[in-house]
């Protein structure tokens, strides 16, 4: 440090450093900021692609949650943002997380839903999990699901845990899947 810098810093009083006087934002405020950043990113993307939709931002389960919806179902082209088996939706979620990380420097765990796809998929997976749980309880054999993403695997894990069964993810990459079995007593 030079002498000039020492003189400059010694002349500052605690009131002059705004970082120290401004209160640290709450977790909810940080998550709301994540949602706003991601919404701005997605709005720009939708404008470029000429896709109509409204973005709703919520904070729940300790993460920012964004939902893109269209009031006019007949003219909606949101399905292009969902893609086959939700793959485009997953990619957009990751890009939105990266946009947040670029601006905040922090990893984001935001969730994105488009046109109710994730909610519909959740209901479908819960039904599949319940059928598999019944099969495991009746026959005692383990049940292996087809490969799924982490969002979908978590739904299966939660259902298995509620039913008192053991579940674990096996495999790697795109082949990662859930196996449920009876708990060892």
Protein backbone atom coordinates (compact mmCIF):
# COMPACT_ATOMS: atom_id res chain seq x y z
CA UNK A 1 0.00 0.00 0.00
CA UNK A 2 1.32 3.46 -0.79
CA UNK A 3 1.42 6.37 1.59
CA UNK A 4 -1.32 8.10 -0.43
CA UNK A 5 -3.63 5.11 -0.01
CA UNK A 6 -2.97 5.02 3.73
CA UNK A 7 -3.85 8.70 3.97
CA UNK A 8 -7.04 8.19 1.92
CA UNK A 9 -8.24 5.23 3.99
CA UNK A 10 -7.42 6.86 7.31
CA UNK A 11 -9.56 9.87 6.39
CA UNK A 12 -12.66 7.72 5.84
CA UNK A 13 -15.06 7.39 8.71
CA UNK A 14 -17.33 4.38 9.27
CA UNK A 15 -20.29 6.36 7.92
CA UNK A 16 -18.54 6.67 4.55
CA UNK A 17 -18.49 2.95 3.77
CA UNK A 18 -21.93 2.07 2.37
CA UNK A 19 -21.27 -1.67 2.50
CA UNK A 20 -21.16 -1.55 6.29
CA UNK A 21 -24.27 0.60 6.78
CA UNK A 22 -26.65 -1.08 4.33
CA UNK A 23 -28.43 -4.09 5.83
CA UNK A 24 -27.67 -7.48 4.36
CA UNK A 25 -30.57 -8.63 2.14
CA UNK A 26 -32.69 -11.46 3.52
CA UNK A 27 -32.77 -14.89 1.89
CA UNK A 28 -36.26 -14.12 0.52
CA UNK A 29 -35.01 -10.86 -1.02
CA UNK A 30 -32.09 -12.66 -2.66
CA UNK A 31 -34.45 -15.29 -4.09
CA UNK A 32 -36.78 -12.55 -5.38
CA UNK A 33 -33.78 -10.93 -7.06
CA UNK A 34 -32.91 -14.30 -8.67
CA UNK A 35 -36.45 -14.51 -9.99
CA UNK A 36 -36.32 -10.99 -11.41
CA UNK A 37 -32.99 -11.60 -13.15
CA UNK A 38 -34.21 -14.88 -14.65
CA UNK A 39 -37.52 -13.31 -15.70
CA UNK A 40 -35.69 -10.49 -17.50
CA UNK A 41 -33.52 -13.04 -19.29
CA UNK A 42 -36.51 -15.17 -20.31
CA UNK A 43 -38.53 -12.13 -21.46
CA UNK A 44 -35.71 -11.12 -23.80
CA UNK A 45 -35.50 -14.64 -25.16
CA UNK A 46 -39.28 -14.86 -25.68
CA UNK A 47 -39.25 -11.48 -27.47
CA UNK A 48 -36.51 -12.68 -29.81
CA UNK A 49 -38.42 -15.89 -30.55
CA UNK A 50 -41.75 -14.02 -30.86
CA UNK A 51 -43.36 -16.20 -28.18
CA UNK A 52 -46.19 -14.80 -26.09
CA UNK A 53 -46.48 -15.54 -22.41
CA UNK A 54 -46.59 -14.06 -18.94
CA UNK A 55 -43.94 -14.81 -16.35
CA UNK A 56 -45.03 -15.35 -12.75
CA UNK A 57 -42.37 -15.24 -10.04
CA UNK A 58 -42.75 -16.92 -6.66
CA UNK A 59 -40.50 -17.95 -3.80
CA UNK A 60 -41.31 -21.37 -2.32
CA UNK A 61 -39.44 -24.33 -0.89
CA UNK A 62 -36.31 -22.21 -0.47
CA UNK A 63 -35.93 -21.34 -4.14
CA UNK A 64 -37.15 -18.92 -6.77
CA UNK A 65 -39.87 -20.42 -8.93
CA UNK A 66 -40.80 -19.01 -12.32
CA UNK A 67 -43.76 -20.04 -14.38
CA UNK A 68 -44.43 -19.01 -17.97
CA UNK A 69 -48.12 -19.12 -18.84
CA UNK A 70 -50.33 -17.94 -21.67
CA UNK A 71 -53.90 -16.81 -21.07
CA UNK A 72 -54.96 -17.65 -24.63
CA UNK A 73 -54.47 -21.43 -24.91
CA UNK A 74 -55.55 -21.54 -28.57
CA UNK A 75 -52.84 -19.13 -29.72
CA UNK A 76 -50.18 -20.38 -27.30
CA UNK A 77 -46.87 -21.47 -28.75
CA UNK A 78 -45.32 -22.19 -25.35
CA UNK A 79 -45.00 -25.88 -26.21
CA UNK A 80 -41.95 -24.93 -28.29
CA UNK A 81 -40.30 -23.82 -25.04
CA UNK A 82 -41.17 -27.11 -23.34
CA UNK A 83 -39.80 -29.33 -26.09
CA UNK A 84 -39.87 -33.10 -26.34
CA UNK A 85 -40.15 -34.66 -22.87
CA UNK A 86 -39.38 -31.24 -21.33
CA UNK A 87 -35.82 -31.16 -22.64
CA UNK A 88 -36.01 -27.59 -23.93
CA UNK A 89 -37.58 -26.55 -20.62
CA UNK A 90 -34.65 -28.14 -18.78
CA UNK A 91 -32.15 -26.33 -20.98
CA UNK A 92 -33.94 -22.99 -20.47
CA UNK A 93 -33.91 -23.57 -16.72
CA UNK A 94 -30.14 -24.12 -16.82
CA UNK A 95 -29.60 -21.03 -19.00
CA UNK A 96 -31.72 -18.98 -16.59
CA UNK A 97 -29.65 -20.26 -13.67
CA UNK A 98 -26.48 -19.27 -15.52
CA UNK A 99 -27.89 -15.79 -16.20
CA UNK A 100 -28.52 -15.40 -12.46
CA UNK A 101 -25.07 -16.71 -11.58
CA UNK A 102 -23.44 -14.31 -14.05
CA UNK A 103 -25.12 -11.32 -12.42
CA UNK A 104 -24.97 -12.36 -8.76
CA UNK A 105 -21.89 -14.56 -8.62
CA UNK A 106 -23.96 -17.14 -6.72
CA UNK A 107 -25.26 -20.52 -7.91
CA UNK A 108 -29.01 -20.51 -8.43
CA UNK A 109 -31.42 -23.38 -7.83
CA UNK A 110 -34.43 -21.69 -9.39
CA UNK A 111 -37.18 -23.84 -10.88
CA UNK A 112 -38.84 -23.04 -14.18
CA UNK A 113 -42.21 -24.33 -15.31
CA UNK A 114 -43.73 -23.63 -18.70
CA UNK A 115 -47.40 -24.03 -19.52
CA UNK A 116 -47.91 -26.26 -16.46
CA UNK A 117 -45.61 -28.99 -17.80
CA UNK A 118 -43.77 -29.67 -14.52
CA UNK A 119 -46.98 -29.80 -12.47
CA UNK A 120 -48.54 -32.26 -14.93
CA UNK A 121 -45.36 -34.31 -14.97
CA UNK A 122 -45.25 -34.31 -11.15
CA UNK A 123 -48.81 -35.71 -10.97
CA UNK A 124 -47.98 -38.35 -13.57
CA UNK A 125 -44.82 -39.42 -11.69
CA UNK A 126 -46.65 -39.61 -8.37
CA UNK A 127 -49.13 -42.03 -9.94
CA UNK A 128 -46.29 -44.12 -11.40
CA UNK A 129 -44.49 -44.10 -8.06
CA UNK A 130 -47.60 -45.27 -6.21
CA UNK A 131 -48.08 -48.16 -8.66
CA UNK A 132 -44.42 -49.16 -8.32
CA UNK A 133 -44.61 -48.91 -4.51
CA UNK A 134 -47.62 -51.21 -4.47
CA UNK A 135 -45.78 -53.66 -6.74
CA UNK A 136 -42.70 -53.66 -4.49
CA UNK A 137 -44.78 -54.10 -1.33
CA UNK A 138 -46.83 -56.93 -2.86
CA UNK A 139 -44.02 -58.85 -4.55
CA UNK A 140 -40.94 -57.84 -2.58
CA UNK A 141 -38.93 -57.32 -5.77
CA UNK A 142 -37.15 -54.03 -6.42
CA UNK A 143 -38.49 -51.74 -9.13
CA UNK A 144 -36.26 -49.74 -11.49
CA UNK A 145 -37.69 -46.68 -13.23
CA UNK A 146 -36.63 -45.48 -16.64
CA UNK A 147 -33.93 -42.78 -16.66
CA UNK A 148 -35.12 -39.33 -15.58
CA UNK A 149 -33.77 -35.92 -14.67
CA UNK A 150 -33.04 -34.85 -11.09
CA UNK A 151 -36.40 -33.06 -10.68
CA UNK A 152 -38.26 -36.24 -11.60
CA UNK A 153 -36.02 -38.51 -9.52
CA UNK A 154 -36.65 -36.38 -6.43
CA UNK A 155 -40.40 -36.86 -6.82
CA UNK A 156 -39.92 -40.65 -6.87
CA UNK A 157 -37.53 -40.54 -3.90
CA UNK A 158 -40.04 -38.48 -1.88
CA UNK A 159 -42.89 -40.88 -2.63
CA UNK A 160 -40.79 -43.93 -1.73
CA UNK A 161 -39.72 -42.34 1.56
CA UNK A 162 -43.34 -41.51 2.45
CA UNK A 163 -44.24 -45.15 1.83
CA UNK A 164 -41.42 -46.40 4.06
CA UNK A 165 -39.38 -47.83 1.19
CA UNK A 166 -35.74 -47.29 0.29
CA UNK A 167 -34.81 -45.58 -2.95
CA UNK A 168 -31.56 -44.69 -4.59
CA UNK A 169 -30.42 -43.21 -7.86
CA UNK A 170 -28.24 -45.44 -10.00
CA UNK A 171 -26.42 -44.95 -13.26
CA UNK A 172 -24.73 -41.90 -14.68
CA UNK A 173 -25.58 -38.99 -16.95
CA UNK A 174 -28.66 -39.50 -19.11
CA UNK A 175 -28.98 -43.07 -17.80
CA UNK A 176 -29.48 -42.04 -14.16
CA UNK A 177 -32.63 -43.66 -12.76
CA UNK A 178 -34.32 -44.52 -9.45
CA UNK A 179 -34.56 -47.99 -7.95
CA UNK A 180 -36.99 -48.59 -5.05
CA UNK A 181 -36.98 -51.59 -2.73
CA UNK A 182 -38.21 -52.77 0.64
CA UNK A 183 -36.32 -51.37 3.60
CA UNK A 184 -33.94 -53.80 5.31
CA UNK A 185 -35.10 -54.27 8.86
